[in-house]
N, C-alpha and C. Protein backbone atom coordinates (compact mmCIF):
# COMPACT_ATOMS: atom_id res chain seq x y z
N UNK A 1 -5.03 28.24 -11.59
CA UNK A 1 -6.44 28.35 -11.79
C UNK A 1 -7.02 29.18 -10.64
N UNK A 2 -7.85 30.12 -10.98
CA UNK A 2 -8.43 31.00 -9.98
C UNK A 2 -9.70 30.41 -9.41
N UNK A 3 -10.03 30.82 -8.20
CA UNK A 3 -11.21 30.28 -7.53
C UNK A 3 -12.49 30.68 -8.26
N UNK A 4 -12.49 31.82 -8.92
CA UNK A 4 -13.66 32.25 -9.69
C UNK A 4 -13.95 31.26 -10.81
N UNK A 5 -12.91 30.80 -11.48
CA UNK A 5 -13.06 29.83 -12.56
C UNK A 5 -13.59 28.50 -12.02
N UNK A 6 -13.10 28.12 -10.86
CA UNK A 6 -13.51 26.85 -10.27
C UNK A 6 -14.97 26.90 -9.86
N UNK A 7 -15.39 28.01 -9.30
CA UNK A 7 -16.78 28.14 -8.84
C UNK A 7 -17.78 28.08 -10.00
N UNK A 8 -17.35 28.40 -11.19
CA UNK A 8 -18.21 28.34 -12.37
C UNK A 8 -18.40 26.91 -12.89
N UNK A 9 -17.53 26.00 -12.44
CA UNK A 9 -17.59 24.61 -12.92
C UNK A 9 -18.72 23.84 -12.24
N UNK A 10 -19.18 22.82 -12.93
CA UNK A 10 -20.16 21.92 -12.31
C UNK A 10 -19.41 20.90 -11.45
N UNK A 11 -20.16 20.16 -10.66
CA UNK A 11 -19.56 19.16 -9.76
C UNK A 11 -18.83 18.09 -10.57
N UNK A 12 -19.43 17.64 -11.66
CA UNK A 12 -18.81 16.60 -12.48
C UNK A 12 -17.52 17.11 -13.12
N UNK A 13 -17.54 18.36 -13.58
CA UNK A 13 -16.33 18.93 -14.17
C UNK A 13 -15.22 19.03 -13.13
N UNK A 14 -15.59 19.42 -11.92
CA UNK A 14 -14.60 19.54 -10.86
C UNK A 14 -13.98 18.19 -10.52
N UNK A 15 -14.80 17.17 -10.42
CA UNK A 15 -14.28 15.83 -10.11
C UNK A 15 -13.35 15.35 -11.20
N UNK A 16 -13.72 15.58 -12.45
CA UNK A 16 -12.86 15.18 -13.56
C UNK A 16 -11.55 15.93 -13.57
N UNK A 17 -11.63 17.23 -13.31
CA UNK A 17 -10.44 18.06 -13.31
C UNK A 17 -9.50 17.68 -12.16
N UNK A 18 -10.08 17.38 -10.99
CA UNK A 18 -9.27 16.98 -9.84
C UNK A 18 -8.52 15.69 -10.15
N UNK A 19 -9.21 14.72 -10.76
CA UNK A 19 -8.54 13.45 -11.07
C UNK A 19 -7.45 13.66 -12.12
N UNK A 20 -7.70 14.52 -13.11
CA UNK A 20 -6.67 14.81 -14.11
C UNK A 20 -5.45 15.48 -13.47
N UNK A 21 -5.71 16.40 -12.56
CA UNK A 21 -4.62 17.11 -11.91
C UNK A 21 -3.82 16.18 -11.00
N UNK A 22 -4.49 15.25 -10.34
CA UNK A 22 -3.78 14.28 -9.50
C UNK A 22 -2.89 13.37 -10.35
N UNK A 23 -3.39 13.00 -11.52
CA UNK A 23 -2.59 12.19 -12.44
C UNK A 23 -1.34 12.94 -12.88
N UNK A 24 -1.53 14.21 -13.24
CA UNK A 24 -0.41 15.04 -13.67
C UNK A 24 0.60 15.21 -12.54
N UNK A 25 0.11 15.37 -11.31
CA UNK A 25 0.99 15.50 -10.16
C UNK A 25 1.82 14.24 -9.96
N UNK A 26 1.19 13.09 -10.13
CA UNK A 26 1.91 11.83 -9.99
C UNK A 26 3.02 11.73 -11.04
N UNK A 27 2.71 12.12 -12.29
CA UNK A 27 3.71 12.07 -13.35
C UNK A 27 4.87 13.02 -13.05
N UNK A 28 4.54 14.20 -12.54
CA UNK A 28 5.59 15.17 -12.21
C UNK A 28 6.46 14.66 -11.07
N UNK A 29 5.87 13.98 -10.11
CA UNK A 29 6.66 13.42 -9.01
C UNK A 29 7.64 12.37 -9.51
N UNK A 30 7.18 11.53 -10.45
CA UNK A 30 8.08 10.54 -11.04
C UNK A 30 9.21 11.23 -11.78
N UNK A 31 8.89 12.29 -12.51
CA UNK A 31 9.92 13.02 -13.23
C UNK A 31 10.93 13.64 -12.27
N UNK A 32 10.44 14.12 -11.13
CA UNK A 32 11.33 14.73 -10.16
C UNK A 32 12.28 13.69 -9.57
N UNK A 33 11.76 12.52 -9.27
CA UNK A 33 12.58 11.46 -8.68
C UNK A 33 13.65 11.00 -9.66
N UNK A 34 13.29 10.91 -10.94
CA UNK A 34 14.25 10.45 -11.94
C UNK A 34 15.18 11.55 -12.41
N UNK A 35 14.93 12.79 -11.97
CA UNK A 35 15.81 13.90 -12.35
C UNK A 35 15.47 14.53 -13.67
N UNK A 36 14.32 14.25 -14.24
CA UNK A 36 13.93 14.80 -15.53
C UNK A 36 13.17 16.13 -15.40
N UNK A 37 12.69 16.45 -14.22
CA UNK A 37 11.88 17.65 -14.02
C UNK A 37 12.79 18.86 -13.84
N UNK A 38 12.58 19.88 -14.65
CA UNK A 38 13.39 21.08 -14.56
C UNK A 38 12.66 22.20 -13.82
N UNK A 39 11.32 22.30 -13.99
CA UNK A 39 10.53 23.35 -13.35
C UNK A 39 9.80 22.78 -12.14
N UNK A 40 10.45 22.84 -10.98
CA UNK A 40 9.86 22.26 -9.78
C UNK A 40 8.75 23.13 -9.21
N UNK A 41 8.66 24.38 -9.62
CA UNK A 41 7.59 25.26 -9.11
C UNK A 41 6.22 24.80 -9.58
N UNK A 42 6.18 24.05 -10.65
CA UNK A 42 4.90 23.54 -11.17
C UNK A 42 4.28 22.55 -10.19
N UNK A 43 5.11 21.80 -9.47
CA UNK A 43 4.60 20.88 -8.45
C UNK A 43 3.82 21.63 -7.38
N UNK A 44 4.39 22.69 -6.90
CA UNK A 44 3.76 23.47 -5.84
C UNK A 44 2.45 24.10 -6.31
N UNK A 45 2.46 24.70 -7.48
CA UNK A 45 1.25 25.34 -7.98
C UNK A 45 0.15 24.31 -8.26
N UNK A 46 0.54 23.14 -8.72
CA UNK A 46 -0.44 22.08 -8.99
C UNK A 46 -1.05 21.57 -7.68
N UNK A 47 -0.23 21.38 -6.67
CA UNK A 47 -0.75 20.96 -5.36
C UNK A 47 -1.73 21.98 -4.80
N UNK A 48 -1.40 23.24 -4.95
CA UNK A 48 -2.28 24.29 -4.45
C UNK A 48 -3.58 24.37 -5.25
N UNK A 49 -3.51 24.16 -6.55
CA UNK A 49 -4.73 24.14 -7.37
C UNK A 49 -5.64 22.99 -6.96
N UNK A 50 -5.05 21.83 -6.69
CA UNK A 50 -5.84 20.67 -6.25
C UNK A 50 -6.51 20.99 -4.92
N UNK A 51 -5.77 21.57 -4.00
CA UNK A 51 -6.33 21.91 -2.69
C UNK A 51 -7.45 22.93 -2.83
N UNK A 52 -7.26 23.90 -3.71
CA UNK A 52 -8.28 24.93 -3.93
C UNK A 52 -9.56 24.30 -4.48
N UNK A 53 -9.41 23.39 -5.44
CA UNK A 53 -10.58 22.74 -6.03
C UNK A 53 -11.29 21.87 -5.00
N UNK A 54 -10.54 21.13 -4.20
CA UNK A 54 -11.16 20.27 -3.20
C UNK A 54 -11.86 21.09 -2.13
N UNK A 55 -11.32 22.23 -1.78
CA UNK A 55 -11.96 23.10 -0.80
C UNK A 55 -13.30 23.59 -1.30
N UNK A 56 -13.34 24.05 -2.52
CA UNK A 56 -14.60 24.54 -3.10
C UNK A 56 -15.58 23.39 -3.27
N UNK A 57 -15.08 22.22 -3.65
CA UNK A 57 -15.93 21.05 -3.80
C UNK A 57 -16.57 20.69 -2.45
N UNK A 58 -15.77 20.72 -1.37
CA UNK A 58 -16.29 20.41 -0.04
C UNK A 58 -17.27 21.47 0.43
N UNK A 59 -17.04 22.73 0.10
CA UNK A 59 -17.99 23.79 0.45
C UNK A 59 -19.34 23.51 -0.19
N UNK A 60 -19.31 23.12 -1.45
CA UNK A 60 -20.56 22.83 -2.15
C UNK A 60 -21.27 21.63 -1.55
N UNK A 61 -20.53 20.59 -1.22
CA UNK A 61 -21.17 19.40 -0.67
C UNK A 61 -21.75 19.70 0.71
N UNK A 62 -21.09 20.51 1.50
CA UNK A 62 -21.64 20.90 2.80
C UNK A 62 -22.90 21.74 2.64
N UNK A 63 -22.89 22.61 1.64
CA UNK A 63 -24.07 23.46 1.41
C UNK A 63 -25.27 22.62 1.00
N UNK A 64 -25.07 21.59 0.19
CA UNK A 64 -26.18 20.75 -0.23
C UNK A 64 -26.70 19.92 0.94
N UNK A 65 -25.82 19.50 1.85
CA UNK A 65 -26.24 18.75 3.02
C UNK A 65 -27.06 19.65 3.93
N UNK A 66 -26.62 20.87 4.12
CA UNK A 66 -27.35 21.80 4.98
C UNK A 66 -28.70 22.16 4.39
N UNK A 67 -28.78 22.28 3.08
CA UNK A 67 -30.06 22.56 2.43
C UNK A 67 -31.01 21.39 2.62
N UNK A 68 -30.49 20.19 2.60
CA UNK A 68 -31.31 19.00 2.78
C UNK A 68 -31.86 18.90 4.19
N UNK A 69 -31.10 19.40 5.17
CA UNK A 69 -31.55 19.35 6.56
C UNK A 69 -32.61 20.38 6.85
N UNK A 70 -32.56 21.50 6.15
CA UNK A 70 -33.50 22.60 6.43
C UNK A 70 -34.87 22.36 5.87
């Protein structure tokens, strides 16, 4: 997922998507431990997507806090 796509999302959509992605990551980790996962690169890309979404989410929350102070 590209950062441009994430920036177009609303805060609620981002929170929902982050929780869905964390769930998927947990399932993939279980598959990896049991030896059922064949494409391990998906784990890495999913972790990076989660980090990207959380970074943009935190940027937005900081911006709203700064607007409130001004």
